[in-house]
Amino acid sequence: MKKLKKYHGVIIPMLTPILSSGKIDEESVKKMLDYFLQNDTFPFVLGTTGEIASNSYANRERYVKIAADHLDGKSILYAGISDNCIDHSIELSKKYSSLGVNVCVAHLPNFFPLTPDLMLKHFETLADNSPVPIIIYNIQSITHMTIPIEIIEKLSYHENIVGLKDSNRGWERVEELIAKFKERDDFSLFIGWTAKSADALLSGFDGIVPNPGNVTPALFQALYKAAISGEKEKALKLQEEVDKLIELVQKDKTMTRTIPELKVLMNHLNICKPFVLPPLKALEDGEAELLVQEFKRLKI
């Protein structure tokens, strides 16, 4: 059995349940949280999958409050604070921590292209001012930049930076991260590349952050448990099941399409309504029906 670091496991980057009005759907938030808790997974609100950039600050704060109050300390609550204005990110870290968030997650600003030194300064400033620990979020598809591993290593020694979620594609980078941080008890590695969940865990990552986990948290928890227990064959077999879901909602698609599809499937499970915020667009009825039929055929 792999030795567990403080931050580990299956972290679900939660969809943001909304009503047709665009306001937070409190009932659905609670249903989602219960669904994830029942399957021993951790909630992460206001990530990319959570339409963070499309939600007003009022919506974000309402979401965090509902989640924190409902969890009432029963789980680690992660929350995204990414913003192009660092003062806003710092303010959000303080507000969310006061509401009950345990860890804040942040990616780079995505307006100006940043040098490695500026990336370093950005995260140091966040970590210096956040009252709760920070997890670095590397996602090139959103920020159009990749944080160099040498910068991540420097940041990893900051007492208030506790881990990395890396969503870039490329196994060579994954191997470099494993070599640097596998034996570091004070710094956790999470992968956001769902297709490599089993491989990353078997190689030394501490957790996974799969957006299809909104729909099938039990499947991802089973994969995680098998991998950290060293049950390679079982973990890879479960990855094959995960790959079927990836084929359905991720392959050759951007988040613009994946998020509405995940919400359709959650609506099918009677957990979350299918509404999305502009500029995203909900699926047409015929598209939604076809997607649900295809999901049922997967039998996962």
Protein backbone atom coordinates (compact mmCIF):
# COMPACT_ATOMS: atom_id res chain seq x y z
CA MET A 1 0.00 0.00 0.00
CA LYS A 2 1.32 3.42 -0.99
CA LYS A 3 2.02 5.78 1.91
CA LEU A 4 -0.60 8.51 1.79
CA LYS A 5 0.37 12.16 1.90
CA LYS A 6 -1.88 14.69 3.60
CA TYR A 7 -3.47 15.64 0.28
CA HIS A 8 -4.36 12.63 -1.84
CA GLY A 9 -7.17 10.68 -3.43
CA VAL A 10 -9.88 11.33 -5.99
CA ILE A 11 -10.72 15.02 -6.16
CA ILE A 12 -13.85 15.72 -8.21
CA PRO A 13 -13.71 19.02 -10.12
CA MET A 14 -17.37 19.73 -9.55
CA LEU A 15 -19.75 21.05 -12.13
CA THR A 16 -21.54 24.18 -10.96
CA PRO A 17 -25.25 23.38 -10.64
CA ILE A 18 -27.38 26.30 -11.71
CA LEU A 19 -31.05 27.06 -12.22
CA SER A 20 -32.46 28.34 -15.52
CA SER A 21 -32.03 31.83 -14.03
CA GLY A 22 -28.26 31.32 -13.81
CA LYS A 23 -28.29 31.32 -10.00
CA ILE A 24 -26.75 28.53 -7.94
CA ASP A 25 -29.04 25.51 -7.53
CA GLU A 26 -28.67 24.81 -3.81
CA GLU A 27 -30.57 21.50 -3.83
CA SER A 28 -28.40 20.11 -6.61
CA VAL A 29 -25.18 21.26 -4.91
CA LYS A 30 -26.15 19.23 -1.85
CA LYS A 31 -27.08 16.19 -3.95
CA MET A 32 -23.74 16.33 -5.72
CA LEU A 33 -21.78 16.65 -2.51
CA ASP A 34 -23.61 13.70 -0.96
CA TYR A 35 -22.97 11.64 -4.10
CA PHE A 36 -19.23 12.33 -3.86
CA LEU A 37 -19.04 11.80 -0.10
CA GLN A 38 -20.80 8.45 -0.39
CA ASN A 39 -18.00 7.38 -2.71
CA ASP A 40 -15.14 8.68 -0.53
CA THR A 41 -14.11 11.38 -3.00
CA PHE A 42 -13.19 15.01 -2.31
CA PRO A 43 -15.05 18.02 -3.79
CA PHE A 44 -13.31 20.80 -5.71
CA VAL A 45 -15.59 23.73 -6.55
CA LEU A 46 -14.94 26.46 -9.10
CA GLY A 47 -12.36 24.79 -11.28
CA THR A 48 -12.41 24.80 -15.07
CA THR A 49 -15.19 22.19 -15.11
CA GLY A 50 -17.06 24.40 -12.65
CA GLU A 51 -17.30 27.25 -15.18
CA ILE A 52 -15.38 29.51 -12.82
CA ALA A 53 -14.78 32.22 -15.43
CA SER A 54 -18.49 32.36 -16.32
CA ASN A 55 -19.76 32.66 -12.75
CA SER A 56 -20.23 36.02 -11.07
CA TYR A 57 -18.39 36.63 -7.81
CA ALA A 58 -21.78 36.47 -6.05
CA ASN A 59 -22.47 33.06 -7.58
CA ARG A 60 -19.03 31.81 -6.61
CA GLU A 61 -19.36 32.93 -3.01
CA ARG A 62 -22.84 31.43 -2.76
CA TYR A 63 -21.57 28.12 -4.14
CA VAL A 64 -18.68 28.00 -1.69
CA LYS A 65 -20.92 28.83 1.28
CA ILE A 66 -23.50 26.17 0.41
CA ALA A 67 -20.77 23.57 -0.11
CA ALA A 68 -18.88 24.40 3.08
CA ASP A 69 -22.02 24.52 5.21
CA HIS A 70 -23.30 21.23 3.84
CA LEU A 71 -19.97 19.44 4.27
CA ASP A 72 -19.59 20.83 7.79
CA GLY A 73 -16.02 19.54 8.05
CA LYS A 74 -16.77 16.03 6.78
CA SER A 75 -14.34 16.40 3.89
CA ILE A 76 -11.49 18.54 2.63
CA LEU A 77 -13.04 21.24 0.47
CA TYR A 78 -10.95 22.61 -2.41
CA ALA A 79 -11.93 25.83 -4.21
CA GLY A 80 -10.62 27.66 -7.25
CA ILE A 81 -9.49 31.26 -6.88
CA SER A 82 -8.01 31.80 -10.34
CA ASP A 83 -8.35 35.36 -11.63
CA ASN A 84 -6.39 37.69 -13.88
CA CYS A 85 -6.23 40.17 -10.99
CA ILE A 86 -4.07 38.81 -8.18
CA ASP A 87 -5.76 41.07 -5.63
CA HIS A 88 -9.04 39.38 -6.49
CA SER A 89 -7.48 35.92 -6.03
CA ILE A 90 -6.07 36.91 -2.65
CA GLU A 91 -9.42 38.39 -1.57
CA LEU A 92 -11.17 35.20 -2.66
CA SER A 93 -8.73 33.02 -0.70
CA LYS A 94 -9.52 35.03 2.43
CA LYS A 95 -13.27 35.03 1.85
CA TYR A 96 -13.45 31.33 1.02
CA SER A 97 -11.27 30.30 3.95
CA SER A 98 -13.57 32.25 6.27
CA LEU A 99 -16.50 30.26 4.84
CA GLY A 100 -14.80 26.91 5.40
CA VAL A 101 -12.62 26.13 2.39
CA ASN A 102 -9.52 24.13 3.34
CA VAL A 103 -7.33 24.49 0.25
CA CYS A 104 -7.34 27.01 -2.62
CA VAL A 105 -6.40 26.08 -6.17
CA ALA A 106 -5.05 28.55 -8.73
CA HIS A 107 -3.75 28.56 -12.27
CA LEU A 108 -1.80 31.33 -13.98
CA PRO A 109 -3.50 34.51 -15.18
CA ASN A 110 -4.36 34.11 -18.84
CA PHE A 111 -4.06 37.64 -20.26
CA PHE A 112 -0.37 38.50 -20.48
CA PRO A 113 2.27 35.95 -21.51
CA LEU A 114 4.46 35.43 -18.46
CA THR A 115 8.14 34.62 -18.12
CA PRO A 116 9.11 31.87 -15.65
CA ASP A 117 10.19 34.52 -13.13
CA LEU A 118 6.78 36.19 -13.34
CA MET A 119 5.07 32.83 -12.86
CA LEU A 120 7.17 32.27 -9.77
CA LYS A 121 6.31 35.69 -8.39
CA HIS A 122 2.60 35.19 -9.04
CA PHE A 123 2.34 32.02 -7.00
CA GLU A 124 4.66 33.26 -4.26
CA THR A 125 2.46 36.32 -3.82
CA LEU A 126 -0.66 34.18 -3.64
CA ALA A 127 0.92 31.79 -1.14
CA ASP A 128 2.30 34.63 1.00
CA ASN A 129 -1.17 36.11 1.37
CA SER A 130 -3.54 33.15 1.44
CA PRO A 131 -4.70 32.01 4.89
CA VAL A 132 -5.04 28.43 3.61
CA PRO A 133 -2.69 26.23 1.57
CA ILE A 134 -2.40 26.64 -2.19
CA ILE A 135 -2.32 23.97 -4.88
CA ILE A 136 -0.77 25.05 -8.18
CA TYR A 137 -2.90 24.25 -11.23
CA ASN A 138 -1.02 23.84 -14.51
CA ILE A 139 -3.40 23.85 -17.47
CA GLN A 140 -2.00 25.01 -20.78
CA SER A 141 -5.32 24.68 -22.62
CA ILE A 142 -6.71 27.55 -20.53
CA THR A 143 -3.69 29.73 -19.75
CA HIS A 144 -1.78 29.06 -23.01
CA MET A 145 1.36 28.67 -20.87
CA THR A 146 3.07 25.79 -19.13
CA ILE A 147 4.72 26.26 -15.77
CA PRO A 148 8.28 24.90 -16.05
CA ILE A 149 9.07 22.08 -13.66
CA GLU A 150 12.03 24.00 -12.23
CA ILE A 151 9.59 26.79 -11.22
CA ILE A 152 7.26 24.26 -9.63
CA GLU A 153 10.19 22.83 -7.71
CA LYS A 154 11.12 26.26 -6.33
CA LEU A 155 7.50 26.88 -5.37
CA SER A 156 7.23 23.45 -3.73
CA TYR A 157 9.46 24.63 -0.89
CA HIS A 158 7.09 27.47 0.02
CA GLU A 159 5.47 26.48 3.31
CA ASN A 160 2.00 27.39 2.02
CA ILE A 161 2.18 25.56 -1.33
CA VAL A 162 1.23 21.92 -0.87
CA GLY A 163 0.81 20.40 -4.30
CA LEU A 164 0.33 20.51 -8.04
CA LYS A 165 -2.55 19.58 -10.28
CA ASP A 166 -1.09 19.07 -13.76
CA SER A 167 -3.46 18.80 -16.71
CA ASN A 168 -0.93 19.01 -19.52
CA ARG A 169 -0.55 16.16 -21.99
CA GLY A 170 2.83 14.49 -22.36
CA TRP A 171 4.14 11.51 -20.42
CA GLU A 172 7.72 12.81 -20.33
CA ARG A 173 6.57 15.70 -18.14
CA VAL A 174 4.69 13.28 -15.89
CA GLU A 175 7.85 11.22 -15.43
CA GLU A 176 9.87 14.33 -14.57
CA LEU A 177 7.31 15.32 -11.94
CA ILE A 178 7.41 11.83 -10.43
CA ALA A 179 11.20 11.92 -10.27
CA LYS A 180 11.13 15.29 -8.48
CA PHE A 181 8.26 14.82 -6.06
CA LYS A 182 7.37 11.17 -5.53
CA GLU A 183 9.38 10.96 -2.31
CA ARG A 184 8.42 14.42 -1.05
CA ASP A 185 5.99 13.97 1.83
CA ASP A 186 5.23 17.69 1.86
CA PHE A 187 4.17 18.07 -1.78
CA SER A 188 1.37 16.17 -3.52
CA LEU A 189 0.95 15.40 -7.22
CA PHE A 190 -2.47 15.25 -8.86
CA ILE A 191 -3.08 14.49 -12.50
CA GLY A 192 -5.86 16.07 -14.54
CA TRP A 193 -5.16 13.93 -17.61
CA THR A 194 -7.95 11.42 -17.11
CA ALA A 195 -6.73 8.95 -19.71
CA LYS A 196 -3.53 8.50 -17.69
CA SER A 197 -5.15 8.19 -14.26
CA ALA A 198 -4.06 4.61 -13.59
CA ASP A 199 -0.58 5.02 -15.08
CA ALA A 200 0.09 8.18 -13.05
CA LEU A 201 -1.09 6.63 -9.78
CA LEU A 202 0.85 3.42 -10.36
CA SER A 203 3.96 5.49 -11.07
CA GLY A 204 3.79 7.65 -7.96
CA PHE A 205 1.14 10.38 -8.26
CA ASP A 206 -0.92 10.97 -5.13
CA GLY A 207 -4.29 11.60 -6.68
CA ILE A 208 -6.44 12.26 -9.71
CA VAL A 209 -8.79 15.10 -10.68
CA PRO A 210 -11.08 13.62 -13.35
CA ASN A 211 -14.02 15.68 -14.59
CA PRO A 212 -15.95 12.54 -15.67
CA GLY A 213 -15.78 11.68 -11.97
CA ASN A 214 -18.83 13.92 -11.56
CA VAL A 215 -20.82 11.13 -13.21
CA THR A 216 -19.03 8.01 -11.92
CA PRO A 217 -17.18 8.80 -8.67
CA ALA A 218 -17.32 5.14 -7.57
CA LEU A 219 -15.47 4.03 -10.70
CA PHE A 220 -12.63 6.49 -10.12
CA GLN A 221 -12.43 5.66 -6.42
CA ALA A 222 -12.15 1.96 -7.27
CA LEU A 223 -9.38 2.73 -9.75
CA TYR A 224 -7.55 4.87 -7.18
CA LYS A 225 -7.76 2.21 -4.47
CA ALA A 226 -6.51 -0.50 -6.81
CA ALA A 227 -3.58 1.62 -7.96
CA ILE A 228 -2.36 2.72 -4.54
CA SER A 229 -2.67 -0.88 -3.32
CA GLY A 230 -0.35 -2.00 -6.09
CA GLU A 231 -3.08 -3.97 -7.89
CA LYS A 232 -1.80 -3.03 -11.33
CA GLU A 233 -3.91 -5.41 -13.39
CA LYS A 234 -7.10 -4.34 -11.64
CA ALA A 235 -6.25 -0.64 -11.95
CA LEU A 236 -5.56 -0.95 -15.68
CA LYS A 237 -8.78 -2.90 -16.16
CA LEU A 238 -10.72 -0.13 -14.44
CA GLN A 239 -8.90 2.40 -16.63
CA GLU A 240 -10.41 0.60 -19.62
CA GLU A 241 -13.84 1.35 -18.16
CA VAL A 242 -12.82 4.97 -17.64
CA ASP A 243 -11.66 5.14 -21.25
CA LYS A 244 -15.18 4.32 -22.42
CA LEU A 245 -16.46 7.40 -20.61
CA ILE A 246 -13.58 9.49 -21.97
CA GLU A 247 -14.52 8.37 -25.48
CA LEU A 248 -18.06 9.57 -24.86
CA VAL A 249 -17.54 12.98 -23.24
CA GLN A 250 -13.94 14.05 -23.82
CA LYS A 251 -12.38 12.68 -27.00
CA ASP A 252 -11.91 15.34 -29.71
CA LYS A 253 -13.96 17.80 -27.65
CA THR A 254 -13.18 21.03 -25.83
CA MET A 255 -14.61 21.91 -22.42
CA THR A 256 -17.19 23.96 -24.31
CA ARG A 257 -18.84 20.68 -25.22
CA THR A 258 -17.71 18.42 -22.36
CA ILE A 259 -19.31 20.54 -19.61
CA PRO A 260 -22.82 20.57 -21.16
CA GLU A 261 -22.54 16.83 -21.81
CA LEU A 262 -21.54 16.08 -18.22
CA LYS A 263 -24.48 18.14 -17.00
CA VAL A 264 -26.84 16.16 -19.25
CA LEU A 265 -25.57 12.92 -17.71
CA MET A 266 -25.89 14.32 -14.18
CA ASN A 267 -29.44 15.36 -15.04
CA HIS A 268 -30.07 11.79 -16.20
CA LEU A 269 -28.90 10.64 -12.75
CA ASN A 270 -31.30 13.17 -11.16
CA ILE A 271 -28.45 15.00 -9.44
CA CYS A 272 -27.94 18.22 -11.41
CA LYS A 273 -29.96 20.15 -13.98
CA PRO A 274 -28.50 20.56 -17.50
CA PHE A 275 -28.26 24.37 -17.49
CA VAL A 276 -24.94 26.05 -18.34
CA LEU A 277 -23.78 29.66 -18.26
CA PRO A 278 -22.95 31.79 -21.33
CA PRO A 279 -20.93 31.57 -23.47
CA LEU A 280 -21.61 27.81 -23.20
CA LYS A 281 -24.77 26.36 -24.66
CA ALA A 282 -26.88 23.50 -23.35
CA LEU A 283 -27.41 20.49 -25.58
CA GLU A 284 -30.54 20.33 -27.72
CA ASP A 285 -33.13 17.77 -26.59
CA GLY A 286 -32.26 15.33 -29.37
CA GLU A 287 -28.55 15.56 -28.63
CA ALA A 288 -29.17 15.01 -24.94
CA GLU A 289 -31.34 11.95 -25.55
CA LEU A 290 -28.73 10.41 -27.82
CA LEU A 291 -25.97 11.05 -25.28
CA VAL A 292 -27.96 9.40 -22.49
CA GLN A 293 -28.64 6.37 -24.69
CA GLU A 294 -24.95 6.04 -25.46
CA PHE A 295 -24.10 6.38 -21.76
CA LYS A 296 -26.54 3.63 -20.84
CA ARG A 297 -24.89 1.33 -23.38
CA LEU A 298 -21.56 1.73 -21.59
CA LYS A 299 -22.96 -0.03 -18.49
CA ILE A 300 -20.48 1.62 -16.14
